[in-house]
Amino acid sequence: EQGEFAAGILNRGKLDVNSGFQACYDSSAATRPPGHGRSRRFVSLMGALLLLVPATLVGEVGNRRILAIRVQFPDGPSAPSFSTVQARQNGAANYFDRFSYGKLNLIPTVTTEAFTMPRNSTFYSNNGGALASDAERMARNAGYNDATYNKIGIYYLSIGLTSHATVGGRRFWIQGANGGSTLHEMGHTFGWGHARRWASDNQDQPLSGAGEVRTADYHFMSGGGYDPTPYEKWQRDWIERRGNVTSNGEYRFRLYTFDQRDTDPSLARRTITVSRQGFAQTLWLGYRSRLLDNVSQDGQNTDLRQGLVVYWLRSAGSQAVMADLHAGGGQDNHSIHPGETFSDTAGNVHLTNLGRGGSAPNEYLDVQVNRGGFTGNRPPAPTWDAPRTVAVGTRFRITVTGNDPDGDEVACRWRPTKASPNSTAATTRTYIFNNPGPRTVTVDVSDMKGHTVRLSRSIVAEIGFVEEIGFLRGDVNGDAGWDISDPIFTLLHFFAGGPAPSCLDSADANDDGLLDITDPIYLLAYLFSSPAPAPPPPLGECGADSTADDLTCRSFVPCAAAR
């Protein structure tokens, strides 16, 4: 096994330097996820060669022939069934077809005969190399030319030799009646180690300070059929298009999902790479859209379903580990949420998830990448028009005004997040509270360059409540002033298809309970004819309409701060 391992390394460049001496994996427990057992290590000249091998992968595209040899032993047990092994091989082929977007085609052949090995099972229980050699020789004698196959798997029932594989090599061994670890062990032969994540002790700056590399979920090498990372797909020539940020500036990308096979190739920018300033390190960004039930509990994981995932390549040639950006919350919340800005201040990188769009298989996230120190940048001073009381079962809308002193666009992360499954970073959000009582609505307002300000309010839902919205009469366009633009706004609405005022009461200049041509005329007379009566209150300060009528006031931003 070691000789084949070295040949695989030297000929194919399939192992990275982070794998160190851990080159041959079996199904036992130290480096595997729970339920996979431990790893078997060997230390030899072949292991030392790892430090000399470039950590580059050749493209894994085209056809790869797989020979699955079923074996049994004179002292028992019998071999796994043909149908079981065939099903596992076909399943693995389907997974790699999806992972590679149809670029890697596995062609499995399962031996119809179960070959009886020349020695008893006890001999092979700690000698996988001998088992593979004997199995290949017997298959060759039966007409299977093993030299024409790229990968060879040996399938057998329990003999004490656990499932394992040669990383980046040709052989893999599968123990058990159901062939259950086929995908995992084949993954090793294609150069995969076990999936890893970075768990930081620093909640504010998870890419800085102490932490440790741990087992990662959401990867097929940990189970569940999840896709490999964008970095791993790029290495294998499965992803060919990316956004690449290596210099300071402000960049916006549309990032398509990396786990949908049939995304339109003309749209398929499936990853973004961002170099950390001052470090020889790269952040690989990706968006998943499939198989995202919670790891910690059953149910759809809304955050991950629309989350921006960061994979951290900590040094050239190493493994890109999943960065858990919300320390202490387990793996279910490792991604950047819609509207959230993750600021890596040490690397001068600011990443904002602007929200999800499109439909399968062409789903995407819009992503803002700001790189640089942004010296002198000031935080926004946001305001909003969140009400204090609403009616039960009635939709209401909240609007944030960023008020950024540098003129920066703002992004909003709204909570609770499940108010809308298609969350975005928009400055408006619609809610509906179907049960009476208080609810806390919070929004984090980010300038996407390192400053975030939080607004929070307890909103009480009451049965039978009728909301009164404060406004200023005559301020039709809601700019906190009275000028020619206000009657023009009304006239454009009447005669040119312009938008309706958000607060109809404000456009009812003469307070007759109607919105018609007399209202802009009334305002024009007030502005340009003297003497002319002023509009009825509320005029000098925000207030409610004292006259009962059918006009409504959905929102009025200038009065938001007074609410």
Protein backbone atom coordinates (compact mmCIF):
# COMPACT_ATOMS: atom_id res chain seq x y z
CA GLU A 1 0.00 0.00 0.00
CA GLN A 2 2.85 2.40 0.80
CA GLY A 3 4.55 1.83 -2.52
CA GLU A 4 1.32 2.51 -4.39
CA PHE A 5 0.74 5.57 -2.20
CA ALA A 6 4.16 7.01 -3.12
CA ALA A 7 3.59 6.35 -6.79
CA GLY A 8 0.25 8.10 -6.60
CA ILE A 9 1.87 11.12 -5.01
CA LEU A 10 4.76 11.37 -7.43
CA ASN A 11 2.73 10.74 -10.56
CA ARG A 12 -0.47 12.61 -9.81
CA GLY A 13 0.28 15.25 -7.16
CA LYS A 14 -2.88 14.33 -5.26
CA LEU A 15 -2.04 15.10 -1.65
CA ASP A 16 -1.51 18.40 0.11
CA VAL A 17 1.20 19.09 2.65
CA ASN A 18 -1.34 19.48 5.47
CA SER A 19 -2.02 15.76 5.30
CA GLY A 20 1.48 15.17 6.73
CA PHE A 21 2.07 11.58 7.65
CA GLN A 22 -1.63 10.77 7.74
CA ALA A 23 -1.71 9.30 4.29
CA CYS A 24 -3.62 6.07 4.52
CA TYR A 25 -7.11 6.32 6.02
CA ASP A 26 -9.28 3.58 7.37
CA SER A 27 -12.68 3.60 9.01
CA SER A 28 -11.47 3.78 12.59
CA ALA A 29 -11.73 7.30 14.87
CA ALA A 30 -9.18 10.02 15.55
CA THR A 31 -9.36 12.05 12.38
CA ARG A 32 -12.76 10.94 11.13
CA PRO A 33 -16.10 12.45 12.02
CA PRO A 34 -18.17 10.65 14.66
CA GLY A 35 -19.27 7.28 13.39
CA HIS A 36 -16.30 6.77 11.07
CA GLY A 37 -13.72 5.32 13.50
CA ARG A 38 -10.03 6.15 13.91
CA SER A 39 -7.24 6.71 11.39
CA ARG A 40 -4.30 4.37 10.84
CA ARG A 41 -0.97 6.16 10.48
CA PHE A 42 2.27 4.94 9.03
CA VAL A 43 5.63 6.65 9.28
CA SER A 44 8.08 5.86 6.53
CA LEU A 45 10.19 7.32 3.81
CA MET A 46 6.99 7.63 1.78
CA GLY A 47 5.50 9.80 4.50
CA ALA A 48 8.53 12.08 4.45
CA LEU A 49 8.08 12.52 0.70
CA LEU A 50 4.86 14.38 1.41
CA LEU A 51 6.80 17.43 2.46
CA LEU A 52 8.45 17.59 -0.96
CA VAL A 53 5.36 17.19 -3.13
CA PRO A 54 3.62 20.28 -4.58
CA ALA A 55 0.08 20.59 -3.24
CA THR A 56 -1.52 20.93 -6.65
CA LEU A 57 -4.18 18.74 -8.14
CA VAL A 58 -4.48 17.78 -11.75
CA GLY A 59 -7.92 18.36 -13.24
CA GLU A 60 -10.32 15.53 -12.52
CA VAL A 61 -12.37 15.64 -15.71
CA GLY A 62 -13.37 13.05 -18.27
CA ASN A 63 -13.94 9.32 -17.85
CA ARG A 64 -12.58 7.27 -14.95
CA ARG A 65 -13.05 3.50 -14.99
CA ILE A 66 -13.71 1.84 -11.63
CA LEU A 67 -13.34 -1.90 -11.00
CA ALA A 68 -15.15 -3.23 -7.94
CA ILE A 69 -13.92 -6.72 -7.01
CA ARG A 70 -16.08 -8.83 -4.72
CA VAL A 71 -14.12 -11.26 -2.59
CA GLN A 72 -14.77 -14.01 -0.05
CA PHE A 73 -12.59 -16.34 2.01
CA PRO A 74 -12.22 -20.08 2.48
CA ASP A 75 -13.15 -19.78 6.15
CA GLY A 76 -15.99 -17.33 5.41
CA PRO A 77 -17.68 -14.94 5.26
CA SER A 78 -19.16 -14.73 1.77
CA ALA A 79 -18.89 -11.65 -0.44
CA PRO A 80 -21.29 -8.66 -0.55
CA SER A 81 -23.99 -9.13 -3.19
CA PHE A 82 -23.53 -7.94 -6.76
CA SER A 83 -26.62 -5.72 -6.52
CA THR A 84 -25.39 -4.04 -3.35
CA VAL A 85 -21.97 -3.20 -4.74
CA GLN A 86 -23.47 -2.11 -8.06
CA ALA A 87 -25.87 0.23 -6.26
CA ARG A 88 -23.03 1.77 -4.21
CA GLN A 89 -20.89 2.25 -7.30
CA ASN A 90 -23.72 3.84 -9.25
CA GLY A 91 -24.54 6.07 -6.31
CA ALA A 92 -20.95 7.30 -6.07
CA ALA A 93 -20.87 7.90 -9.82
CA ASN A 94 -24.04 10.02 -9.55
CA TYR A 95 -22.56 12.05 -6.71
CA PHE A 96 -19.33 12.79 -8.56
CA ASP A 97 -21.33 13.67 -11.66
CA ARG A 98 -23.23 16.25 -9.62
CA PHE A 99 -20.17 17.52 -7.74
CA SER A 100 -18.29 18.07 -11.02
CA TYR A 101 -21.23 19.51 -12.99
CA GLY A 102 -21.02 16.55 -15.35
CA LYS A 103 -17.28 16.90 -15.96
CA LEU A 104 -16.18 13.71 -14.16
CA ASN A 105 -17.79 10.51 -15.41
CA LEU A 106 -17.20 7.37 -13.36
CA ILE A 107 -17.74 4.12 -15.26
CA PRO A 108 -18.09 1.30 -12.72
CA THR A 109 -17.64 -2.41 -13.40
CA VAL A 110 -18.58 -4.91 -10.70
CA THR A 111 -17.26 -8.44 -10.93
CA THR A 112 -20.09 -10.88 -11.45
CA GLU A 113 -18.09 -13.57 -9.69
CA ALA A 114 -17.13 -13.38 -6.03
CA PHE A 115 -13.50 -14.50 -5.96
CA THR A 116 -12.39 -16.80 -3.16
CA MET A 117 -9.07 -15.65 -1.80
CA PRO A 118 -6.24 -18.20 -1.51
CA ARG A 119 -5.78 -17.62 2.22
CA ASN A 120 -8.09 -17.42 5.21
CA SER A 121 -9.60 -14.12 6.33
CA THR A 122 -7.34 -13.90 9.39
CA PHE A 123 -4.31 -13.49 7.15
CA TYR A 124 -5.82 -10.46 5.45
CA SER A 125 -7.24 -8.82 8.57
CA ASN A 126 -4.13 -6.64 8.85
CA ASN A 127 -2.80 -6.93 5.32
CA GLY A 128 -4.88 -4.92 2.89
CA GLY A 129 -2.06 -4.80 0.34
CA ALA A 130 -1.96 -8.57 0.06
CA LEU A 131 -5.75 -8.71 -0.20
CA ALA A 132 -5.77 -6.20 -3.05
CA SER A 133 -2.94 -7.94 -4.90
CA ASP A 134 -4.59 -11.35 -4.65
CA ALA A 135 -7.99 -9.92 -5.65
CA GLU A 136 -6.53 -8.10 -8.67
CA ARG A 137 -4.64 -11.22 -9.77
CA MET A 138 -7.75 -13.39 -9.58
CA ALA A 139 -9.84 -10.78 -11.41
CA ARG A 140 -7.14 -10.53 -14.07
CA ASN A 141 -7.20 -14.29 -14.52
CA ALA A 142 -10.97 -14.09 -14.98
CA GLY A 143 -10.62 -11.60 -17.82
CA TYR A 144 -10.71 -8.25 -16.02
CA ASN A 145 -7.68 -6.26 -17.15
CA ASP A 146 -7.00 -4.27 -14.00
CA ALA A 147 -4.40 -2.15 -15.81
CA THR A 148 -7.21 -0.45 -17.76
CA TYR A 149 -8.98 0.81 -14.61
CA ASN A 150 -8.26 4.07 -12.84
CA LYS A 151 -9.54 2.96 -9.44
CA ILE A 152 -9.93 -0.49 -7.91
CA GLY A 153 -12.16 -1.23 -4.94
CA ILE A 154 -12.07 -4.44 -2.91
CA TYR A 155 -15.43 -5.39 -1.34
CA TYR A 156 -15.66 -7.97 1.47
CA LEU A 157 -17.65 -8.75 4.59
CA SER A 158 -16.35 -8.25 8.11
CA ILE A 159 -12.86 -9.71 8.62
CA GLY A 160 -11.35 -7.06 10.90
CA LEU A 161 -9.82 -5.04 8.05
CA THR A 162 -11.68 -1.76 8.22
CA SER A 163 -12.65 0.31 5.18
CA HIS A 164 -9.83 2.58 4.06
CA ALA A 165 -8.18 4.04 0.98
CA THR A 166 -4.89 5.27 -0.41
CA VAL A 167 -5.12 9.06 -0.55
CA GLY A 168 -4.54 10.18 -4.12
CA GLY A 169 -3.86 6.59 -5.13
CA ARG A 170 -5.74 3.84 -6.92
CA ARG A 171 -7.05 1.38 -4.35
CA PHE A 172 -9.81 1.47 -1.77
CA TRP A 173 -11.13 -1.22 0.56
CA ILE A 174 -14.79 -1.52 1.63
CA GLN A 175 -15.83 -3.75 4.50
CA GLY A 176 -19.45 -4.59 5.23
CA ALA A 177 -22.61 -6.01 3.72
CA ASN A 178 -23.96 -2.67 2.50
CA GLY A 179 -20.79 -1.06 1.07
CA GLY A 180 -21.77 2.08 2.91
CA SER A 181 -18.48 4.00 2.87
CA THR A 182 -17.88 3.74 -0.90
CA LEU A 183 -18.29 7.47 -1.59
CA HIS A 184 -16.04 8.41 1.33
CA GLU A 185 -13.21 6.01 0.49
CA MET A 186 -13.38 6.85 -3.21
CA GLY A 187 -13.10 10.48 -2.15
CA HIS A 188 -9.77 9.68 -0.54
CA THR A 189 -8.48 8.16 -3.78
CA PHE A 190 -9.41 11.40 -5.56
CA GLY A 191 -7.25 13.34 -3.10
CA TRP A 192 -9.69 14.30 -0.34
CA GLY A 193 -8.78 14.17 3.30
CA HIS A 194 -11.38 14.65 5.99
CA ALA A 195 -13.40 17.86 5.99
CA ARG A 196 -12.18 20.55 8.37
CA ARG A 197 -13.45 23.81 9.88
CA TRP A 198 -11.81 26.60 11.85
CA ALA A 199 -13.35 27.08 15.29
CA SER A 200 -12.09 30.33 16.80
CA ASP A 201 -11.92 31.45 20.40
CA ASN A 202 -12.39 35.06 19.22
CA GLN A 203 -16.06 35.84 18.63
CA ASP A 204 -15.39 39.33 17.28
CA GLN A 205 -12.53 38.41 14.92
CA PRO A 206 -12.75 34.67 14.21
CA LEU A 207 -9.88 34.74 11.69
CA SER A 208 -7.54 36.21 14.29
CA GLY A 209 -6.23 34.84 17.55
CA ALA A 210 -6.52 31.39 19.04
CA GLY A 211 -8.65 28.59 17.73
CA GLU A 212 -8.45 25.06 16.42
CA VAL A 213 -9.18 22.97 13.35
CA ARG A 214 -12.07 20.57 13.92
CA THR A 215 -14.18 18.18 11.90
CA ALA A 216 -16.60 19.95 9.56
CA ASP A 217 -20.10 18.98 8.59
CA TYR A 218 -21.69 19.99 5.27
CA HIS A 219 -19.16 18.05 3.17
CA PHE A 220 -19.49 14.62 1.59
CA MET A 221 -16.35 13.41 3.37
CA SER A 222 -18.31 13.88 6.60
CA GLY A 223 -21.45 12.21 5.24
CA GLY A 224 -24.75 13.40 3.85
CA GLY A 225 -23.80 13.83 0.20
CA TYR A 226 -22.89 17.52 0.56
CA ASP A 227 -20.74 19.04 -2.18
CA PRO A 228 -17.01 19.60 -1.74
CA THR A 229 -15.85 23.18 -1.27
CA PRO A 230 -15.45 25.72 -4.09
CA TYR A 231 -11.69 25.66 -3.55
CA GLU A 232 -11.61 21.89 -4.04
CA LYS A 233 -13.74 22.17 -7.15
CA TRP A 234 -11.47 24.89 -8.53
CA GLN A 235 -8.45 22.64 -7.95
CA ARG A 236 -10.07 19.89 -9.99
CA ASP A 237 -11.13 22.17 -12.88
CA TRP A 238 -14.81 21.75 -12.07
CA ILE A 239 -15.24 25.47 -11.33
CA GLU A 240 -13.69 27.55 -14.08
CA ARG A 241 -15.04 31.04 -13.39
CA ARG A 242 -14.63 33.15 -10.29
CA GLY A 243 -14.56 36.69 -8.99
CA ASN A 244 -11.06 37.54 -7.79
CA VAL A 245 -10.21 40.43 -5.46
CA THR A 246 -6.51 41.07 -4.87
CA SER A 247 -6.40 44.87 -4.53
CA ASN A 248 -8.21 47.46 -2.43
CA GLY A 249 -11.54 48.75 -3.66
CA GLU A 250 -15.28 48.16 -3.67
CA TYR A 251 -16.61 45.20 -5.65
CA ARG A 252 -20.05 43.69 -6.22
CA PHE A 253 -20.58 40.19 -7.55
CA ARG A 254 -23.46 37.88 -8.38
CA LEU A 255 -22.43 34.53 -6.92
CA TYR A 256 -24.21 31.41 -8.19
CA THR A 257 -24.66 28.28 -6.13
CA PHE A 258 -21.79 25.83 -6.23
CA ASP A 259 -23.93 22.76 -5.46
CA GLN A 260 -26.39 22.83 -8.37
CA ARG A 261 -25.24 20.71 -11.29
CA ASP A 262 -27.21 22.37 -14.09
CA THR A 263 -26.70 26.09 -13.49
CA ASP A 264 -26.57 27.93 -16.81
CA PRO A 265 -22.84 27.93 -17.75
CA SER A 266 -23.07 31.52 -18.96
CA LEU A 267 -24.06 32.56 -15.41
CA ALA A 268 -21.87 30.22 -13.45
CA ARG A 269 -19.51 32.34 -11.37
CA ARG A 270 -19.52 29.83 -8.55
CA THR A 271 -16.90 31.28 -6.22
CA ILE A 272 -15.23 34.54 -5.21
CA THR A 273 -11.66 34.69 -3.92
CA VAL A 274 -10.45 37.55 -1.72
CA SER A 275 -6.83 37.93 -0.59
CA ARG A 276 -6.34 39.11 2.99
CA GLN A 277 -4.21 42.25 3.01
CA GLY A 278 -0.88 41.64 4.72
CA PHE A 279 -1.27 37.85 4.68
CA ALA A 280 -0.44 35.14 2.16
CA GLN A 281 -3.98 33.86 2.65
CA THR A 282 -7.16 33.70 0.60
CA LEU A 283 -10.85 33.58 1.47
CA TRP A 284 -12.92 31.42 -0.88
CA LEU A 285 -16.61 32.35 -0.86
CA GLY A 286 -19.47 30.06 -1.79
CA TYR A 287 -23.24 29.70 -1.69
CA ARG A 288 -24.98 26.40 -0.98
CA SER A 289 -28.60 25.75 -1.88
CA ARG A 290 -29.11 22.03 -1.22
CA LEU A 291 -29.31 19.53 1.66
CA LEU A 292 -29.32 22.10 4.41
CA ASP A 293 -31.30 20.52 7.22
CA ASN A 294 -29.87 21.45 10.59
CA VAL A 295 -27.03 19.35 11.89
CA SER A 296 -28.04 19.96 15.50
CA GLN A 297 -31.75 19.32 15.01
CA ASP A 298 -34.21 18.37 12.31
CA GLY A 299 -35.74 21.05 10.13
CA GLN A 300 -34.73 23.41 7.36
CA ASN A 301 -31.85 25.70 8.23
CA THR A 302 -33.11 29.08 7.04
CA ASP A 303 -29.82 30.87 7.71
CA LEU A 304 -27.65 28.43 5.76
CA ARG A 305 -30.21 28.24 2.97
CA GLN A 306 -29.35 31.82 2.13
CA GLY A 307 -25.94 32.12 3.79
CA LEU A 308 -22.58 33.18 2.34
CA VAL A 309 -19.97 30.59 3.33
CA VAL A 310 -16.29 31.43 3.81
CA TYR A 311 -13.52 28.86 3.32
CA TRP A 312 -10.15 29.98 4.65
CA LEU A 313 -7.01 28.99 2.75
CA ARG A 314 -4.51 29.71 5.49
CA SER A 315 -1.38 29.03 3.45
CA ALA A 316 -0.55 28.14 -0.13
CA GLY A 317 -1.06 24.44 -0.74
CA SER A 318 -3.03 23.82 2.46
CA GLN A 319 -6.62 22.68 2.83
CA ALA A 320 -9.25 25.43 2.70
CA VAL A 321 -11.13 25.02 5.98
CA MET A 322 -14.69 26.14 6.55
CA ALA A 323 -14.61 29.29 8.69
CA ASP A 324 -17.17 29.21 11.50
CA LEU A 325 -17.86 32.95 11.69
CA HIS A 326 -20.23 32.87 14.66
CA ALA A 327 -18.22 31.30 17.44
CA GLY A 328 -19.98 29.24 20.06
CA GLY A 329 -23.14 28.48 18.12
CA GLY A 330 -22.21 25.16 16.55
CA GLN A 331 -22.00 24.65 12.80
CA ASP A 332 -25.56 25.53 11.85
CA ASN A 333 -24.84 29.27 11.87
CA HIS A 334 -21.35 29.44 10.39
CA SER A 335 -22.32 31.49 7.33
CA ILE A 336 -22.79 35.23 6.76
CA HIS A 337 -26.51 35.98 6.96
CA PRO A 338 -28.47 38.19 4.53
CA GLY A 339 -27.74 41.83 5.34
CA GLU A 340 -24.82 40.94 7.59
CA THR A 341 -21.32 42.32 7.09
CA PHE A 342 -18.40 40.21 8.25
CA SER A 343 -15.41 42.46 8.85
CA ASP A 344 -11.99 40.86 8.96
CA THR A 345 -10.18 43.88 10.35
CA ALA A 346 -6.78 42.18 10.43
CA GLY A 347 -6.99 41.43 6.71
CA ASN A 348 -8.90 44.62 5.76
CA VAL A 349 -11.69 42.59 4.16
CA HIS A 350 -15.41 43.35 4.56
CA LEU A 351 -17.91 40.85 3.14
CA THR A 352 -21.65 41.57 2.92
CA ASN A 353 -24.37 39.13 1.93
CA LEU A 354 -26.88 41.23 -0.02
CA GLY A 355 -29.43 38.44 -0.26
CA ARG A 356 -30.67 35.59 -2.38
CA GLY A 357 -32.33 35.62 -5.79
CA GLY A 358 -33.14 33.47 -8.80
CA SER A 359 -34.65 29.99 -8.82
CA ALA A 360 -33.15 26.52 -9.06
CA PRO A 361 -30.84 25.69 -10.69
CA ASN A 362 -29.84 29.35 -11.21
CA GLU A 363 -30.02 30.58 -7.62
CA TYR A 364 -27.53 33.21 -6.50
CA LEU A 365 -26.42 35.58 -3.78
CA ASP A 366 -25.42 39.17 -4.44
CA VAL A 367 -22.20 39.87 -2.56
CA GLN A 368 -20.42 43.11 -1.71
CA VAL A 369 -16.66 42.85 -1.17
CA ASN A 370 -14.92 45.94 0.22
CA ARG A 371 -11.17 45.60 0.69
CA GLY A 372 -9.01 48.22 2.37
CA GLY A 373 -8.56 50.17 5.58
CA PHE A 374 -11.07 52.93 4.68
CA THR A 375 -9.29 55.46 6.89
CA GLY A 376 -11.62 58.16 8.22
CA ASN A 377 -14.74 56.15 7.50
CA ARG A 378 -17.56 57.12 9.89
CA PRO A 379 -20.48 55.00 11.08
CA PRO A 380 -24.01 55.56 9.81
CA ALA A 381 -26.63 57.25 12.01
CA PRO A 382 -29.73 55.30 10.96
CA THR A 383 -33.34 56.09 11.80
CA TRP A 384 -36.46 54.06 11.13
CA ASP A 385 -40.24 54.29 11.25
CA ALA A 386 -40.88 51.14 13.29
CA PRO A 387 -44.24 51.46 15.09
CA ARG A 388 -44.73 50.77 18.77
CA THR A 389 -48.15 49.18 18.34
CA VAL A 390 -49.73 47.27 15.45
CA ALA A 391 -52.94 45.40 14.82
CA VAL A 392 -52.88 41.61 15.11
CA GLY A 393 -52.88 39.96 11.68
CA THR A 394 -52.16 43.18 9.78
CA ARG A 395 -49.10 43.54 7.59
CA PHE A 396 -46.91 46.51 8.34
CA ARG A 397 -43.75 47.80 6.75
CA ILE A 398 -40.65 49.24 8.39
CA THR A 399 -38.21 51.48 6.52
CA VAL A 400 -34.66 52.34 7.58
CA THR A 401 -32.93 55.54 6.49
CA GLY A 402 -29.15 55.04 6.61
CA ASN A 403 -28.00 58.65 7.16
CA ASP A 404 -24.39 57.69 6.47
CA PRO A 405 -22.17 60.78 6.82
CA ASP A 406 -19.84 59.52 4.07
CA GLY A 407 -22.68 58.76 1.69
CA ASP A 408 -22.08 55.00 1.91
CA GLU A 409 -24.84 52.62 0.93
CA VAL A 410 -26.12 50.63 3.91
CA ALA A 411 -27.18 47.01 4.26
CA CYS A 412 -29.69 45.79 6.83
CA ARG A 413 -29.76 42.49 8.68
CA TRP A 414 -33.30 42.09 10.00
CA ARG A 415 -34.35 39.95 12.94
CA PRO A 416 -36.33 37.84 13.41
CA THR A 417 -34.91 36.44 10.14
CA LYS A 418 -37.77 34.11 9.32
CA ALA A 419 -40.24 36.88 8.55
CA SER A 420 -39.39 36.29 4.89
CA PRO A 421 -37.69 33.19 3.48
CA ASN A 422 -36.08 35.28 0.71
CA SER A 423 -34.23 37.62 3.02
CA THR A 424 -32.27 40.47 1.51
CA ALA A 425 -30.22 43.37 2.78
CA ALA A 426 -32.96 45.83 1.83
CA THR A 427 -33.73 48.87 3.96
CA THR A 428 -37.42 47.94 4.11
CA ARG A 429 -39.05 44.87 5.66
CA THR A 430 -42.65 43.72 5.97
CA TYR A 431 -43.88 41.90 9.07
CA ILE A 432 -47.16 40.45 10.30
CA PHE A 433 -47.81 39.41 13.90
CA ASN A 434 -50.65 36.92 14.10
CA ASN A 435 -50.77 36.68 17.89
CA PRO A 436 -51.23 39.47 20.43
CA GLY A 437 -48.35 40.57 22.61
CA PRO A 438 -44.92 42.15 22.30
CA ARG A 439 -42.32 41.18 19.72
CA THR A 440 -38.82 42.59 19.42
CA VAL A 441 -37.71 43.63 15.96
CA THR A 442 -34.02 44.35 15.50
CA VAL A 443 -32.04 45.54 12.51
CA ASP A 444 -28.26 45.82 12.22
CA VAL A 445 -27.43 48.63 9.82
CA SER A 446 -24.00 48.29 8.19
CA ASP A 447 -22.04 50.65 5.97
CA MET A 448 -20.31 47.49 4.63
CA LYS A 449 -16.91 48.95 5.57
CA GLY A 450 -16.62 47.96 9.21
CA HIS A 451 -19.29 49.97 11.03
CA THR A 452 -22.61 48.48 12.19
CA VAL A 453 -25.30 50.23 14.23
CA ARG A 454 -28.22 48.37 15.81
CA LEU A 455 -31.83 49.57 16.03
CA SER A 456 -34.23 47.61 18.21
CA ARG A 457 -37.81 48.08 19.32
CA SER A 458 -40.48 46.11 21.15
CA ILE A 459 -43.64 46.20 19.04
CA VAL A 460 -46.93 45.24 20.67
CA ALA A 461 -49.57 43.51 18.56
CA GLU A 462 -53.11 44.33 19.79
CA ILE A 463 -56.49 43.03 18.73
CA GLY A 464 -58.60 45.81 17.21
CA PHE A 465 -55.81 48.38 17.23
CA VAL A 466 -56.08 51.12 14.57
CA GLU A 467 -52.74 52.74 13.88
CA GLU A 468 -52.37 56.49 13.61
CA ILE A 469 -49.38 57.61 11.56
CA GLY A 470 -47.86 61.01 12.22
CA PHE A 471 -47.39 63.22 9.15
CA LEU A 472 -46.98 66.79 7.92
CA ARG A 473 -49.81 68.06 5.72
CA GLY A 474 -48.67 69.33 2.35
CA ASP A 475 -45.31 67.51 2.44
CA VAL A 476 -46.46 65.17 -0.32
CA ASN A 477 -43.05 63.71 -1.25
CA GLY A 478 -41.95 63.27 2.37
CA ASP A 479 -38.78 65.36 2.23
CA ALA A 480 -39.61 67.36 5.40
CA GLY A 481 -40.21 70.59 3.48
CA TRP A 482 -42.80 72.53 1.47
CA ASP A 483 -41.91 73.65 -2.05
CA ILE A 484 -42.97 73.35 -5.68
CA SER A 485 -41.95 69.65 -5.73
CA ASP A 486 -44.95 68.74 -3.52
CA PRO A 487 -47.84 69.84 -5.81
CA ILE A 488 -45.82 68.54 -8.80
CA PHE A 489 -45.61 65.12 -7.09
CA THR A 490 -49.41 65.04 -6.81
CA LEU A 491 -49.92 66.22 -10.42
CA LEU A 492 -47.51 63.57 -11.73
CA HIS A 493 -49.49 60.96 -9.83
CA PHE A 494 -52.78 62.20 -11.32
CA PHE A 495 -51.75 62.74 -14.92
CA ALA A 496 -48.41 61.03 -15.68
CA GLY A 497 -48.61 57.69 -13.90
CA GLY A 498 -46.32 58.74 -11.06
CA PRO A 499 -46.28 56.88 -7.74
CA ALA A 500 -48.94 57.54 -5.16
CA PRO A 501 -47.84 59.39 -2.02
CA SER A 502 -46.89 56.97 0.76
CA CYS A 503 -49.06 59.07 3.07
CA LEU A 504 -52.29 60.09 1.33
CA ASP A 505 -53.23 62.33 4.25
CA SER A 506 -50.17 64.49 3.58
CA ALA A 507 -51.38 65.10 0.00
CA ASP A 508 -54.88 66.13 1.18
CA ALA A 509 -53.73 69.75 1.38
CA ASN A 510 -57.16 71.26 2.08
CA ASP A 511 -58.24 68.46 4.47
CA ASP A 512 -61.55 67.78 2.74
CA GLY A 513 -61.11 64.01 2.99
CA LEU A 514 -60.58 63.70 -0.77
CA LEU A 515 -57.50 63.54 -2.97
CA ASP A 516 -58.21 65.49 -6.15
CA ILE A 517 -57.03 68.44 -8.30
CA THR A 518 -58.03 70.96 -5.64
CA ASP A 519 -55.16 69.78 -3.43
CA PRO A 520 -52.20 70.74 -5.65
CA ILE A 521 -54.02 74.00 -6.51
CA TYR A 522 -54.41 74.73 -2.81
CA LEU A 523 -50.67 74.11 -2.24
CA LEU A 524 -49.66 76.28 -5.21
CA ALA A 525 -51.80 79.12 -3.89
CA TYR A 526 -50.24 78.76 -0.43
CA LEU A 527 -46.70 78.78 -1.87
CA PHE A 528 -47.02 81.57 -4.45
CA SER A 529 -50.12 83.70 -3.65
CA SER A 530 -50.28 86.09 -0.76
CA PRO A 531 -52.30 86.12 1.29
CA ALA A 532 -53.48 82.51 1.05
CA PRO A 533 -54.54 80.17 3.85
CA ALA A 534 -52.01 77.62 5.11
CA PRO A 535 -52.92 73.93 4.98
CA PRO A 536 -54.76 72.68 8.09
CA PRO A 537 -52.70 70.93 10.76
CA PRO A 538 -50.61 68.98 11.33
CA LEU A 539 -48.30 71.51 9.75
CA GLY A 540 -45.46 72.69 11.97
CA GLU A 541 -44.86 69.36 13.72
CA CYS A 542 -45.75 65.71 13.18
CA GLY A 543 -49.25 64.73 14.15
CA ALA A 544 -52.31 62.67 13.29
CA ASP A 545 -55.21 63.61 11.07
CA SER A 546 -57.93 65.09 13.30
CA THR A 547 -60.55 64.75 10.55
CA ALA A 548 -62.20 61.35 10.05
CA ASP A 549 -61.97 60.27 6.42
CA ASP A 550 -61.06 57.28 4.23
CA LEU A 551 -57.53 58.41 3.40
CA THR A 552 -54.65 56.41 4.86
CA CYS A 553 -51.07 57.07 5.83
CA ARG A 554 -48.89 53.95 5.36
CA SER A 555 -45.60 55.60 6.28
CA PHE A 556 -44.08 59.02 6.63
CA VAL A 557 -40.30 58.96 7.06
CA PRO A 558 -39.76 62.54 8.40
CA CYS A 559 -41.88 61.66 11.43
CA ALA A 560 -40.16 58.33 12.09
CA ALA A 561 -37.80 59.72 14.74
CA ALA A 562 -40.72 61.05 16.77
CA ARG A 563 -42.43 57.65 17.00
